[in-house]
C-alpha atoms as a PDB file:
ATOM      1  CA  ILE A   1      -0.033   0.025   0.092  1.00  0.00           C
ATOM      2  CA  LEU A   2       2.752   2.220   1.003  1.00  0.00           C
ATOM      3  CA  ARG A   3       4.589   1.870  -2.667  1.00  0.00           C
ATOM      4  CA  ARG A   4       1.306   2.500  -4.426  1.00  0.00           C
ATOM      5  CA  GLN A   5       0.656   5.677  -2.724  1.00  0.00           C
ATOM      6  CA  GLU A   6       4.030   6.781  -3.221  1.00  0.00           C
ATOM      7  CA  TYR A   7       4.379   6.402  -6.731  1.00  0.00           C
ATOM      8  CA  TRP A   8       1.022   7.261  -7.582  1.00  0.00           C
ATOM      9  CA  SER A   9       1.569  10.673  -5.876  1.00  0.00           C
ATOM     10  CA  ALA A  10       5.068  11.183  -7.512  1.00  0.00           C
ATOM     11  CA  LEU A  11       3.382  10.508 -11.173  1.00  0.00           C
ATOM     12  CA  SER A  12       0.559  12.456 -10.393  1.00  0.00           C
ATOM     13  CA  GLY A  13       2.110  15.833  -9.903  1.00  0.00           C
ATOM     14  CA  ALA A  14       2.931  15.664  -6.270  1.00  0.00           C
ATOM     15  CA  THR A  15       5.992  17.695  -5.957  1.00  0.00           C
ATOM     16  CA  GLY A  16       7.279  15.722  -2.409  1.00  0.00           C
ATOM     17  CA  GLN A  17       5.949  13.583   0.180  1.00  0.00           C
ATOM     18  CA  VAL A  18       6.909  12.791   3.641  1.00  0.00           C
ATOM     19  CA  TYR A  19       7.328   9.051   5.406  1.00  0.00           C
ATOM     20  CA  GLY A  20       7.676   7.914   8.728  1.00  0.00           C
ATOM     21  CA  ASN A  21       6.437   5.420  11.243  1.00  0.00           C
ATOM     22  CA  GLY A  22       4.938   5.249  14.569  1.00  0.00           C
ATOM     23  CA  TYR A  23       8.437   5.300  16.061  1.00  0.00           C
ATOM     24  CA  THR A  24       9.857   8.161  14.262  1.00  0.00           C
ATOM     25  CA  TRP A  25       6.938  10.256  13.935  1.00  0.00           C
ATOM     26  CA  LYS A  26       6.911  10.451  17.916  1.00  0.00           C
ATOM     27  CA  PHE A  27      10.708   9.942  18.528  1.00  0.00           C
ATOM     28  CA  SER A  28       9.661   6.897  20.761  1.00  0.00           C
ATOM     29  CA  SER A  29      11.773   4.797  22.512  1.00  0.00           C
ATOM     30  CA  GLY A  30      14.045   2.585  19.791  1.00  0.00           C
ATOM     31  CA  TRP A  31      13.560   5.175  17.290  1.00  0.00           C
ATOM     32  CA  GLN A  32      16.648   4.878  15.693  1.00  0.00           C
ATOM     33  CA  ASN A  33      16.238   1.508  15.229  1.00  0.00           C
ATOM     34  CA  GLN A  34      13.437   1.956  12.732  1.00  0.00           C
ATOM     35  CA  LEU A  35      15.105   4.035  10.482  1.00  0.00           C
ATOM     36  CA  ASP A  36      15.831   1.157   8.086  1.00  0.00           C
ATOM     37  CA  THR A  37      12.542  -0.419   7.831  1.00  0.00           C
ATOM     38  CA  PRO A  38      11.382  -1.509   4.606  1.00  0.00           C
ATOM     39  CA  GLY A  39       9.115   1.877   4.233  1.00  0.00           C
ATOM     40  CA  ALA A  40      12.120   3.834   4.775  1.00  0.00           C
ATOM     41  CA  VAL A  41      14.388   2.009   2.547  1.00  0.00           C
ATOM     42  CA  GLN A  42      11.531   1.685  -0.342  1.00  0.00           C
ATOM     43  CA  ILE A  43      11.105   5.717  -0.247  1.00  0.00           C
ATOM     44  CA  GLY A  44      14.710   6.068  -0.591  1.00  0.00           C
ATOM     45  CA  HIS A  45      14.408   4.116  -3.578  1.00  0.00           C
ATOM     46  CA  LEU A  46      11.966   6.311  -4.883  1.00  0.00           C
ATOM     47  CA  LYS A  47      14.409   9.233  -4.515  1.00  0.00           C
ATOM     48  CA  ALA A  48      17.219   7.379  -5.982  1.00  0.00           C
ATOM     49  CA  LEU A  49      15.104   6.733  -9.265  1.00  0.00           C
ATOM     50  CA  PHE A  50      13.514  10.171  -9.537  1.00  0.00           C
ATOM     51  CA  GLU A  51      16.034  12.663  -8.321  1.00  0.00           C
ATOM     52  CA  PRO A  52      18.330  12.311 -11.251  1.00  0.00           C
ATOM     53  CA  ARG A  53      15.708  12.627 -13.729  1.00  0.00           C
ATOM     54  CA  ALA A  54      13.579  15.660 -14.798  1.00  0.00           C
ATOM     55  CA  TRP A  55      10.787  14.751 -12.354  1.00  0.00           C
ATOM     56  CA  TYR A  56       9.709  18.418 -12.302  1.00  0.00           C
ATOM     57  CA  GLU A  57       8.740  18.289 -15.543  1.00  0.00           C
ATOM     58  CA  LEU A  58       6.446  15.051 -15.531  1.00  0.00           C
ATOM     59  CA  VAL A  59       3.044  15.857 -16.447  1.00  0.00           C
ATOM     60  CA  PRO A  60       0.186  13.059 -15.243  1.00  0.00           C
ATOM     61  CA  ASP A  61      -0.806  11.044 -18.261  1.00  0.00           C
ATOM     62  CA  GLN A  62      -4.714  11.895 -17.370  1.00  0.00           C
ATOM     63  CA  ASP A  63      -6.387  11.531 -21.028  1.00  0.00           C
ATOM     64  CA  ARG A  64      -4.567   8.039 -21.478  1.00  0.00           C
ATOM     65  CA  THR A  65      -2.326   9.024 -24.401  1.00  0.00           C
ATOM     66  CA  VAL A  66       0.817   7.634 -23.334  1.00  0.00           C
ATOM     67  CA  VAL A  67      -0.328   4.013 -21.521  1.00  0.00           C
ATOM     68  CA  THR A  68      -3.235   3.299 -23.900  1.00  0.00           C
ATOM     69  CA  GLY A  69      -4.009  -0.145 -22.504  1.00  0.00           C
ATOM     70  CA  GLY A  70      -3.971  -2.623 -19.197  1.00  0.00           C
ATOM     71  CA  ARG A  71      -4.545   0.738 -17.083  1.00  0.00           C
ATOM     72  CA  GLY A  72      -6.386  -1.269 -14.373  1.00  0.00           C
ATOM     73  CA  THR A  73      -9.134  -0.267 -12.056  1.00  0.00           C
ATOM     74  CA  PHE A  74      -9.462   3.517 -10.659  1.00  0.00           C
ATOM     75  CA  SER A  75     -11.285   3.569  -7.509  1.00  0.00           C
ATOM     76  CA  SER A  76     -11.292   6.179  -5.045  1.00  0.00           C
ATOM     77  CA  THR A  77     -12.742   4.075  -2.269  1.00  0.00           C
ATOM     78  CA  GLY A  78      -9.619   3.602  -0.610  1.00  0.00           C
ATOM     79  CA  SER A  79     -10.195  -0.469  -1.327  1.00  0.00           C
ATOM     80  CA  VAL A  80      -6.549  -1.865  -2.113  1.00  0.00           C
ATOM     81  CA  GLY A  81      -7.959  -4.360  -4.437  1.00  0.00           C
ATOM     82  CA  ALA A  82     -10.344  -1.752  -6.417  1.00  0.00           C
ATOM     83  CA  ASN A  83      -6.933   0.352  -6.478  1.00  0.00           C
ATOM     84  CA  ASP A  84      -4.869  -1.123  -9.078  1.00  0.00           C
ATOM     85  CA  TYR A  85      -4.599   1.624 -11.529  1.00  0.00           C
ATOM     86  CA  VAL A  86      -1.878   2.321 -13.618  1.00  0.00           C
ATOM     87  CA  THR A  87      -0.536   5.827 -13.222  1.00  0.00           C
ATOM     88  CA  ALA A  88       1.888   7.683 -15.669  1.00  0.00           C
ATOM     89  CA  ALA A  89       3.494  10.614 -16.473  1.00  0.00           C
ATOM     90  CA  ARG A  90       5.414  12.055 -19.742  1.00  0.00           C
ATOM     91  CA  THR A  91       7.917  15.107 -19.945  1.00  0.00           C
ATOM     92  CA  PRO A  92       6.322  17.837 -22.740  1.00  0.00           C
ATOM     93  CA  SER A  93       9.370  17.005 -24.379  1.00  0.00           C
ATOM     94  CA  GLY A  94       9.020  13.459 -24.828  1.00  0.00           C
ATOM     95  CA  SER A  95      12.238  12.532 -23.483  1.00  0.00           C
ATOM     96  CA  LEU A  96      10.938  10.785 -20.337  1.00  0.00           C
ATOM     97  CA  VAL A  97       7.873   8.579 -19.719  1.00  0.00           C
ATOM     98  CA  MET A  98       7.240   6.757 -16.308  1.00  0.00           C
ATOM     99  CA  ALA A  99       4.605   4.421 -15.311  1.00  0.00           C
ATOM    100  CA  TYR A 100       3.948   2.765 -11.980  1.00  0.00           C
ATOM    101  CA  VAL A 101       2.424  -0.746 -12.698  1.00  0.00           C
ATOM    102  CA  PRO A 102       0.647  -1.991  -9.430  1.00  0.00           C
ATOM    103  CA  SER A 103       0.394  -5.066 -10.063  1.00  0.00           C
ATOM    104  CA  ALA A 104       1.236  -8.159 -12.813  1.00  0.00           C
ATOM    105  CA  ARG A 105      -0.308  -7.289 -16.084  1.00  0.00           C
ATOM    106  CA  THR A 106       0.693  -6.166 -19.914  1.00  0.00           C
ATOM    107  CA  ILE A 107       0.375  -2.500 -20.706  1.00  0.00           C
ATOM    108  CA  THR A 108       0.667  -0.823 -23.864  1.00  0.00           C
ATOM    109  CA  VAL A 109       2.392   2.318 -24.590  1.00  0.00           C
ATOM    110  CA  ASP A 110       2.063   4.642 -27.482  1.00  0.00           C
ATOM    111  CA  MET A 111       5.759   5.140 -28.348  1.00  0.00           C
ATOM    112  CA  SER A 112       5.322   8.096 -30.705  1.00  0.00           C
ATOM    113  CA  ARG A 113       4.502   9.975 -27.674  1.00  0.00           C
ATOM    114  CA  LEU A 114       8.897  10.021 -27.199  1.00  0.00           C
ATOM    115  CA  SER A 115      10.870  11.921 -28.931  1.00  0.00           C
ATOM    116  CA  GLY A 116      13.332   9.637 -30.358  1.00  0.00           C
ATOM    117  CA  PHE A 117      14.696   5.914 -29.719  1.00  0.00           C
ATOM    118  CA  ALA A 118      13.912   5.048 -26.281  1.00  0.00           C
ATOM    119  CA  THR A 119      15.663   2.957 -23.500  1.00  0.00           C
ATOM    120  CA  ALA A 120      13.134   0.734 -21.858  1.00  0.00           C
ATOM    121  CA  ARG A 121      13.738  -0.692 -18.474  1.00  0.00           C
ATOM    122  CA  TRP A 122      11.741  -1.997 -15.010  1.00  0.00           C
ATOM    123  CA  TYR A 123      12.470  -0.429 -12.141  1.00  0.00           C
ATOM    124  CA  ASP A 124      12.286  -2.813  -8.900  1.00  0.00           C
ATOM    125  CA  PRO A 125      11.005  -0.472  -6.019  1.00  0.00           C
ATOM    126  CA  VAL A 126      12.099  -3.120  -3.399  1.00  0.00           C
ATOM    127  CA  LEU A 127      15.764  -3.253  -4.629  1.00  0.00           C
ATOM    128  CA  GLY A 128      15.983  -0.162  -6.455  1.00  0.00           C
ATOM    129  CA  THR A 129      17.306  -1.859  -9.237  1.00  0.00           C
ATOM    130  CA  PHE A 130      16.845  -1.657 -13.168  1.00  0.00           C
ATOM    131  CA  THR A 131      16.507  -4.414 -15.691  1.00  0.00           C
ATOM    132  CA  THR A 132      16.932  -3.503 -19.449  1.00  0.00           C
ATOM    133  CA  ILE A 133      14.050  -4.867 -21.485  1.00  0.00           C
ATOM    134  CA  ALA A 134      15.263  -6.358 -24.726  1.00  0.00           C
ATOM    135  CA  GLY A 135      15.100  -4.724 -27.907  1.00  0.00           C
ATOM    136  CA  SER A 136      16.402  -1.331 -26.322  1.00  0.00           C
ATOM    137  CA  PRO A 137      16.824   1.046 -27.481  1.00  0.00           C
ATOM    138  CA  MET A 138      13.402   0.931 -29.127  1.00  0.00           C
ATOM    139  CA  VAL A 139      11.705   2.807 -31.933  1.00  0.00           C
ATOM    140  CA  ASN A 140       9.182   5.762 -31.202  1.00  0.00           C
ATOM    141  CA  THR A 141       6.485   4.440 -33.211  1.00  0.00           C
ATOM    142  CA  GLY A 142       3.570   2.644 -32.954  1.00  0.00           C
ATOM    143  CA  ALA A 143       2.088   0.937 -30.043  1.00  0.00           C
ATOM    144  CA  ARG A 144       4.223  -1.494 -27.537  1.00  0.00           C
ATOM    145  CA  ASP A 145       3.268  -3.889 -25.338  1.00  0.00           C
ATOM    146  CA  PHE A 146       5.094  -4.066 -21.983  1.00  0.00           C
ATOM    147  CA  THR A 147       4.482  -7.170 -19.729  1.00  0.00           C
ATOM    148  CA  THR A 148       6.093  -6.832 -15.934  1.00  0.00           C
ATOM    149  CA  PRO A 149       8.808  -9.312 -15.303  1.00  0.00           C
ATOM    150  CA  GLY A 150       7.151 -11.269 -12.135  1.00  0.00           C
ATOM    151  CA  THR A 151       7.692 -10.711  -8.387  1.00  0.00           C
ATOM    152  CA  HIS A 152      10.397  -9.161  -6.588  1.00  0.00           C
ATOM    153  CA  ALA A 153      12.266  -9.990  -3.422  1.00  0.00           C
ATOM    154  CA  ASP A 154       9.233  -9.173  -1.335  1.00  0.00           C
ATOM    155  CA  GLY A 155       6.862 -11.441  -3.534  1.00  0.00           C
ATOM    156  CA  ALA A 156       4.509  -8.216  -4.718  1.00  0.00           C
ATOM    157  CA  ALA A 157       4.697  -7.609  -8.699  1.00  0.00           C
ATOM    158  CA  ASP A 158       4.419  -3.830  -8.806  1.00  0.00           C
ATOM    159  CA  TRP A 159       7.269  -1.981 -11.041  1.00  0.00           C
ATOM    160  CA  VAL A 160       7.893   1.396 -12.418  1.00  0.00           C
ATOM    161  CA  LEU A 161       8.330   1.531 -16.306  1.00  0.00           C
ATOM    162  CA  VAL A 162      10.805   3.778 -17.196  1.00  0.00           C
ATOM    163  CA  LEU A 163      11.464   4.986 -21.028  1.00  0.00           C
ATOM    164  CA  GLU A 164      14.038   7.655 -21.587  1.00  0.00           C
ATOM    165  CA  VAL A 165      15.141   8.704 -24.902  1.00  0.00           C
ATOM    166  CA  THR A 166      18.737   7.616 -25.931  1.00  0.00           C
ATOM    167  CA  PRO A 167      20.441  11.002 -26.310  1.00  0.00           C
ATOM    168  CA  PRO A 168      22.267  11.076 -29.776  1.00  0.00           C
ATOM    169  CA  ALA A 169      25.854  10.060 -30.146  1.00  0.00           C
ATOM    170  CA  PRO A 170      28.341  12.973 -30.422  1.00  0.00           C
ATOM    171  CA  ASP A 171      29.702  13.998 -33.488  1.00  0.00           C
END
């Protein structure tokens, strides 16, 4: 639930987020021992993913023009099972597309929304590591399906798709 909230916020236009747990918020006895909980470590992975990129230029894909298929179910009820929605965003220049995929599935991306050949990678929000998708860099035409790689270290199957335009080689 925490990862969903973190990535949904980051790709929906939020400019930041605060994280803490019952020990650290109140500085309860032993709070120092709670600084490396999975939630704390994983929000660090979110920061590591977004910080070197133009996150501040990302525009939420509210019109569903980037991720055109496999988006899942959107719900405002707060029920975790109903909240299975892929949240995506793109920079206006088309140099970066990111999509948080909260469960195993195949999504369809309109590659023409990118400004050039794109390196496609899955980001593991549990370990903070990338897996390059075969065929990268990919041409920026047509629709392309991307299937999540399966479960990761904690048994969940949420991933972040990162499509970054490959800069041209220097002359």
